[in-house]
Amino acid sequence: MRIEGAHIRIELAVAADHRAVDVARAVRTAVAHAVSIPAPGDQPPTVAVLVTAVDP
């Protein structure tokens, strides 16, 4: 995980029996709701999730 200002980047691997897009969306939503980093204009932080591998 990397945090730069109000942007959070998470890199993760997913299991082959999970859809990468579903995992990435769920993680992005959970992180955005869990953090308290205020973005300019009181906007929620931006969160990027990068799936780096799909494990068998």
PDB file of N, CA and C in Angstrom:
ATOM      1  N   MET A   1       0.848  -1.164   0.000  1.00  0.00           N
ATOM      2  CA  MET A   1       0.000   0.000   0.000  1.00  0.00           C
ATOM      3  C   MET A   1       0.898   1.232   0.000  1.00  0.00           C
ATOM      4  N   ARG A   2       0.491   2.230  -0.762  1.00  0.00           N
ATOM      5  CA  ARG A   2       1.198   3.511  -0.804  1.00  0.00           C
ATOM      6  C   ARG A   2       0.165   4.619  -0.652  1.00  0.00           C
ATOM      7  N   ILE A   3       0.483   5.582   0.213  1.00  0.00           N
ATOM      8  CA  ILE A   3      -0.402   6.730   0.406  1.00  0.00           C
ATOM      9  C   ILE A   3       0.368   7.982   0.030  1.00  0.00           C
ATOM     10  N   GLU A   4      -0.182   8.739  -0.896  1.00  0.00           N
ATOM     11  CA  GLU A   4       0.400  10.014  -1.323  1.00  0.00           C
ATOM     12  C   GLU A   4      -0.697  11.064  -1.270  1.00  0.00           C
ATOM     13  N   GLY A   5      -0.622  11.929  -0.272  1.00  0.00           N
ATOM     14  CA  GLY A   5      -1.672  12.934  -0.126  1.00  0.00           C
ATOM     15  C   GLY A   5      -2.998  12.257   0.150  1.00  0.00           C
ATOM     16  N   ALA A   6      -3.972  12.505  -0.702  1.00  0.00           N
ATOM     17  CA  ALA A   6      -5.294  11.907  -0.536  1.00  0.00           C
ATOM     18  C   ALA A   6      -5.514  10.761  -1.516  1.00  0.00           C
ATOM     19  N   HIS A   7      -4.424  10.168  -2.008  1.00  0.00           N
ATOM     20  CA  HIS A   7      -4.524   9.040  -2.926  1.00  0.00           C
ATOM     21  C   HIS A   7      -3.900   7.810  -2.285  1.00  0.00           C
ATOM     22  N   ILE A   8      -4.609   6.698  -2.361  1.00  0.00           N
ATOM     23  CA  ILE A   8      -4.142   5.437  -1.788  1.00  0.00           C
ATOM     24  C   ILE A   8      -4.039   4.419  -2.915  1.00  0.00           C
ATOM     25  N   ARG A   9      -2.898   3.736  -2.988  1.00  0.00           N
ATOM     26  CA  ARG A   9      -2.697   2.693  -3.998  1.00  0.00           C
ATOM     27  C   ARG A   9      -2.416   1.381  -3.280  1.00  0.00           C
ATOM     28  N   ILE A  10      -3.162   0.355  -3.645  1.00  0.00           N
ATOM     29  CA  ILE A  10      -3.016  -0.963  -3.039  1.00  0.00           C
ATOM     30  C   ILE A  10      -2.715  -1.967  -4.139  1.00  0.00           C
ATOM     31  N   GLU A  11      -1.694  -2.790  -3.916  1.00  0.00           N
ATOM     32  CA  GLU A  11      -1.357  -3.869  -4.839  1.00  0.00           C
ATOM     33  C   GLU A  11      -1.636  -5.184  -4.129  1.00  0.00           C
ATOM     34  N   LEU A  12      -2.301  -6.102  -4.825  1.00  0.00           N
ATOM     35  CA  LEU A  12      -2.650  -7.372  -4.199  1.00  0.00           C
ATOM     36  C   LEU A  12      -2.738  -8.482  -5.228  1.00  0.00           C
ATOM     37  N   ALA A  13      -2.759  -9.707  -4.726  1.00  0.00           N
ATOM     38  CA  ALA A  13      -2.966 -10.891  -5.558  1.00  0.00           C
ATOM     39  C   ALA A  13      -4.333 -11.467  -5.198  1.00  0.00           C
ATOM     40  N   VAL A  14      -4.948 -12.135  -6.147  1.00  0.00           N
ATOM     41  CA  VAL A  14      -6.240 -12.770  -5.887  1.00  0.00           C
ATOM     42  C   VAL A  14      -6.137 -14.253  -6.210  1.00  0.00           C
ATOM     43  N   ALA A  15      -7.016 -15.020  -5.605  1.00  0.00           N
ATOM     44  CA  ALA A  15      -7.082 -16.452  -5.890  1.00  0.00           C
ATOM     45  C   ALA A  15      -7.781 -16.657  -7.230  1.00  0.00           C
ATOM     46  N   ALA A  16      -7.425 -17.720  -7.905  1.00  0.00           N
ATOM     47  CA  ALA A  16      -7.969 -17.990  -9.236  1.00  0.00           C
ATOM     48  C   ALA A  16      -9.484 -18.185  -9.218  1.00  0.00           C
ATOM     49  N   ASP A  17     -10.025 -18.597  -8.081  1.00  0.00           N
ATOM     50  CA  ASP A  17     -11.468 -18.824  -8.022  1.00  0.00           C
ATOM     51  C   ASP A  17     -12.264 -17.561  -7.673  1.00  0.00           C
ATOM     52  N   HIS A  18     -11.598 -16.411  -7.672  1.00  0.00           N
ATOM     53  CA  HIS A  18     -12.262 -15.121  -7.455  1.00  0.00           C
ATOM     54  C   HIS A  18     -12.047 -14.238  -8.682  1.00  0.00           C
ATOM     55  N   ARG A  19     -13.056 -13.485  -9.041  1.00  0.00           N
ATOM     56  CA  ARG A  19     -12.902 -12.552 -10.161  1.00  0.00           C
ATOM     57  C   ARG A  19     -12.106 -11.346  -9.695  1.00  0.00           C
ATOM     58  N   ALA A  20     -11.017 -11.058 -10.393  1.00  0.00           N
ATOM     59  CA  ALA A  20     -10.126  -9.964  -9.996  1.00  0.00           C
ATOM     60  C   ALA A  20     -10.867  -8.636  -9.918  1.00  0.00           C
ATOM     61  N   VAL A  21     -11.746  -8.369 -10.858  1.00  0.00           N
ATOM     62  CA  VAL A  21     -12.462  -7.091 -10.863  1.00  0.00           C
ATOM     63  C   VAL A  21     -13.379  -6.968  -9.647  1.00  0.00           C
ATOM     64  N   ASP A  22     -14.000  -8.065  -9.234  1.00  0.00           N
ATOM     65  CA  ASP A  22     -14.873  -8.021  -8.059  1.00  0.00           C
ATOM     66  C   ASP A  22     -14.072  -7.770  -6.782  1.00  0.00           C
ATOM     67  N   VAL A  23     -12.923  -8.430  -6.666  1.00  0.00           N
ATOM     68  CA  VAL A  23     -12.066  -8.233  -5.494  1.00  0.00           C
ATOM     69  C   VAL A  23     -11.561  -6.795  -5.456  1.00  0.00           C
ATOM     70  N   ALA A  24     -11.091  -6.296  -6.588  1.00  0.00           N
ATOM     71  CA  ALA A  24     -10.556  -4.931  -6.643  1.00  0.00           C
ATOM     72  C   ALA A  24     -11.622  -3.909  -6.258  1.00  0.00           C
ATOM     73  N   ARG A  25     -12.824  -4.075  -6.756  1.00  0.00           N
ATOM     74  CA  ARG A  25     -13.906  -3.141  -6.416  1.00  0.00           C
ATOM     75  C   ARG A  25     -14.249  -3.198  -4.932  1.00  0.00           C
ATOM     76  N   ALA A  26     -14.312  -4.400  -4.379  1.00  0.00           N
ATOM     77  CA  ALA A  26     -14.643  -4.542  -2.962  1.00  0.00           C
ATOM     78  C   ALA A  26     -13.567  -3.919  -2.076  1.00  0.00           C
ATOM     79  N   VAL A  27     -12.306  -4.139  -2.417  1.00  0.00           N
ATOM     80  CA  VAL A  27     -11.205  -3.568  -1.636  1.00  0.00           C
ATOM     81  C   VAL A  27     -11.227  -2.052  -1.744  1.00  0.00           C
ATOM     82  N   ARG A  28     -11.401  -1.540  -2.949  1.00  0.00           N
ATOM     83  CA  ARG A  28     -11.427  -0.085  -3.142  1.00  0.00           C
ATOM     84  C   ARG A  28     -12.536   0.557  -2.312  1.00  0.00           C
ATOM     85  N   THR A  29     -13.710  -0.017  -2.330  1.00  0.00           N
ATOM     86  CA  THR A  29     -14.835   0.518  -1.572  1.00  0.00           C
ATOM     87  C   THR A  29     -14.575   0.455  -0.070  1.00  0.00           C
ATOM     88  N   ALA A  30     -14.071  -0.673   0.410  1.00  0.00           N
ATOM     89  CA  ALA A  30     -13.808  -0.828   1.844  1.00  0.00           C
ATOM     90  C   ALA A  30     -12.757   0.161   2.328  1.00  0.00           C
ATOM     91  N   VAL A  31     -11.696   0.335   1.564  1.00  0.00           N
ATOM     92  CA  VAL A  31     -10.631   1.255   1.967  1.00  0.00           C
ATOM     93  C   VAL A  31     -11.136   2.692   1.955  1.00  0.00           C
ATOM     94  N   ALA A  32     -11.859   3.066   0.929  1.00  0.00           N
ATOM     95  CA  ALA A  32     -12.371   4.438   0.833  1.00  0.00           C
ATOM     96  C   ALA A  32     -13.264   4.784   2.020  1.00  0.00           C
ATOM     97  N   HIS A  33     -14.039   3.818   2.498  1.00  0.00           N
ATOM     98  CA  HIS A  33     -14.928   4.068   3.634  1.00  0.00           C
ATOM     99  C   HIS A  33     -14.195   4.010   4.973  1.00  0.00           C
ATOM    100  N   ALA A  34     -13.070   3.317   5.018  1.00  0.00           N
ATOM    101  CA  ALA A  34     -12.367   3.109   6.288  1.00  0.00           C
ATOM    102  C   ALA A  34     -11.378   4.211   6.641  1.00  0.00           C
ATOM    103  N   VAL A  35     -10.862   4.919   5.656  1.00  0.00           N
ATOM    104  CA  VAL A  35      -9.815   5.906   5.936  1.00  0.00           C
ATOM    105  C   VAL A  35     -10.416   7.267   6.267  1.00  0.00           C
ATOM    106  N   SER A  36      -9.611   8.058   6.947  1.00  0.00           N
ATOM    107  CA  SER A  36     -10.073   9.397   7.315  1.00  0.00           C
ATOM    108  C   SER A  36      -9.128  10.464   6.781  1.00  0.00           C
ATOM    109  N   ILE A  37      -8.577  10.231   5.598  1.00  0.00           N
ATOM    110  CA  ILE A  37      -7.694  11.210   4.968  1.00  0.00           C
ATOM    111  C   ILE A  37      -8.570  12.189   4.198  1.00  0.00           C
ATOM    112  N   PRO A  38      -8.637  13.433   4.617  1.00  0.00           N
ATOM    113  CA  PRO A  38      -9.472  14.378   3.869  1.00  0.00           C
ATOM    114  C   PRO A  38      -8.797  14.805   2.568  1.00  0.00           C
ATOM    115  N   ALA A  39      -9.538  14.752   1.513  1.00  0.00           N
ATOM    116  CA  ALA A  39      -9.050  15.233   0.222  1.00  0.00           C
ATOM    117  C   ALA A  39      -9.457  16.697   0.080  1.00  0.00           C
ATOM    118  N   PRO A  40      -8.835  17.411  -0.847  1.00  0.00           N
ATOM    119  CA  PRO A  40      -9.226  18.815  -1.060  1.00  0.00           C
ATOM    120  C   PRO A  40     -10.726  18.931  -1.324  1.00  0.00           C
ATOM    121  N   GLY A  41     -11.340  19.929  -0.720  1.00  0.00           N
ATOM    122  CA  GLY A  41     -12.773  20.128  -0.913  1.00  0.00           C
ATOM    123  C   GLY A  41     -13.619  19.142  -0.148  1.00  0.00           C
ATOM    124  N   ASP A  42     -13.056  18.515   0.874  1.00  0.00           N
ATOM    125  CA  ASP A  42     -13.765  17.516   1.682  1.00  0.00           C
ATOM    126  C   ASP A  42     -14.286  16.349   0.855  1.00  0.00           C
ATOM    127  N   GLN A  43     -13.605  16.022  -0.221  1.00  0.00           N
ATOM    128  CA  GLN A  43     -13.950  14.863  -1.035  1.00  0.00           C
ATOM    129  C   GLN A  43     -13.307  13.622  -0.426  1.00  0.00           C
ATOM    130  N   PRO A  44     -13.890  12.449  -0.649  1.00  0.00           N
ATOM    131  CA  PRO A  44     -13.252  11.230  -0.142  1.00  0.00           C
ATOM    132  C   PRO A  44     -11.928  10.998  -0.870  1.00  0.00           C
ATOM    133  N   PRO A  45     -11.020  10.260  -0.269  1.00  0.00           N
ATOM    134  CA  PRO A  45      -9.740   9.997  -0.926  1.00  0.00           C
ATOM    135  C   PRO A  45      -9.944   9.137  -2.171  1.00  0.00           C
ATOM    136  N   THR A  46      -9.014   9.233  -3.098  1.00  0.00           N
ATOM    137  CA  THR A  46      -9.054   8.346  -4.254  1.00  0.00           C
ATOM    138  C   THR A  46      -8.311   7.071  -3.887  1.00  0.00           C
ATOM    139  N   VAL A  47      -8.818   5.953  -4.369  1.00  0.00           N
ATOM    140  CA  VAL A  47      -8.229   4.653  -4.058  1.00  0.00           C
ATOM    141  C   VAL A  47      -8.051   3.889  -5.361  1.00  0.00           C
ATOM    142  N   ALA A  48      -6.833   3.412  -5.593  1.00  0.00           N
ATOM    143  CA  ALA A  48      -6.548   2.580  -6.756  1.00  0.00           C
ATOM    144  C   ALA A  48      -6.132   1.202  -6.268  1.00  0.00           C
ATOM    145  N   VAL A  49      -6.672   0.167  -6.898  1.00  0.00           N
ATOM    146  CA  VAL A  49      -6.312  -1.204  -6.549  1.00  0.00           C
ATOM    147  C   VAL A  49      -5.727  -1.851  -7.793  1.00  0.00           C
ATOM    148  N   LEU A  50      -4.510  -2.362  -7.646  1.00  0.00           N
ATOM    149  CA  LEU A  50      -3.810  -3.015  -8.747  1.00  0.00           C
ATOM    150  C   LEU A  50      -3.669  -4.491  -8.419  1.00  0.00           C
ATOM    151  N   VAL A  51      -4.266  -5.344  -9.244  1.00  0.00           N
ATOM    152  CA  VAL A  51      -4.128  -6.786  -9.067  1.00  0.00           C
ATOM    153  C   VAL A  51      -2.846  -7.200  -9.773  1.00  0.00           C
ATOM    154  N   THR A  52      -1.868  -7.643  -8.988  1.00  0.00           N
ATOM    155  CA  THR A  52      -0.547  -7.960  -9.533  1.00  0.00           C
ATOM    156  C   THR A  52      -0.395  -9.422  -9.905  1.00  0.00           C
ATOM    157  N   ALA A  53      -1.289 -10.283  -9.410  1.00  0.00           N
ATOM    158  CA  ALA A  53      -1.185 -11.709  -9.720  1.00  0.00           C
ATOM    159  C   ALA A  53      -2.522 -12.386  -9.469  1.00  0.00           C
ATOM    160  N   VAL A  54      -2.728 -13.481 -10.191  1.00  0.00           N
ATOM    161  CA  VAL A  54      -3.852 -14.366  -9.933  1.00  0.00           C
ATOM    162  C   VAL A  54      -3.236 -15.707  -9.569  1.00  0.00           C
ATOM    163  N   ASP A  55      -3.364 -16.077  -8.298  1.00  0.00           N
ATOM    164  CA  ASP A  55      -2.745 -17.303  -7.805  1.00  0.00           C
ATOM    165  C   ASP A  55      -3.646 -18.500  -8.064  1.00  0.00           C
ATOM    166  N   PRO A  56      -3.048 -19.614  -8.457  1.00  0.00           N
ATOM    167  CA  PRO A  56      -3.850 -20.828  -8.720  1.00  0.00           C
ATOM    168  C   PRO A  56      -4.466 -21.408  -7.463  1.00  0.00           C
TER     169      PRO A  56
END
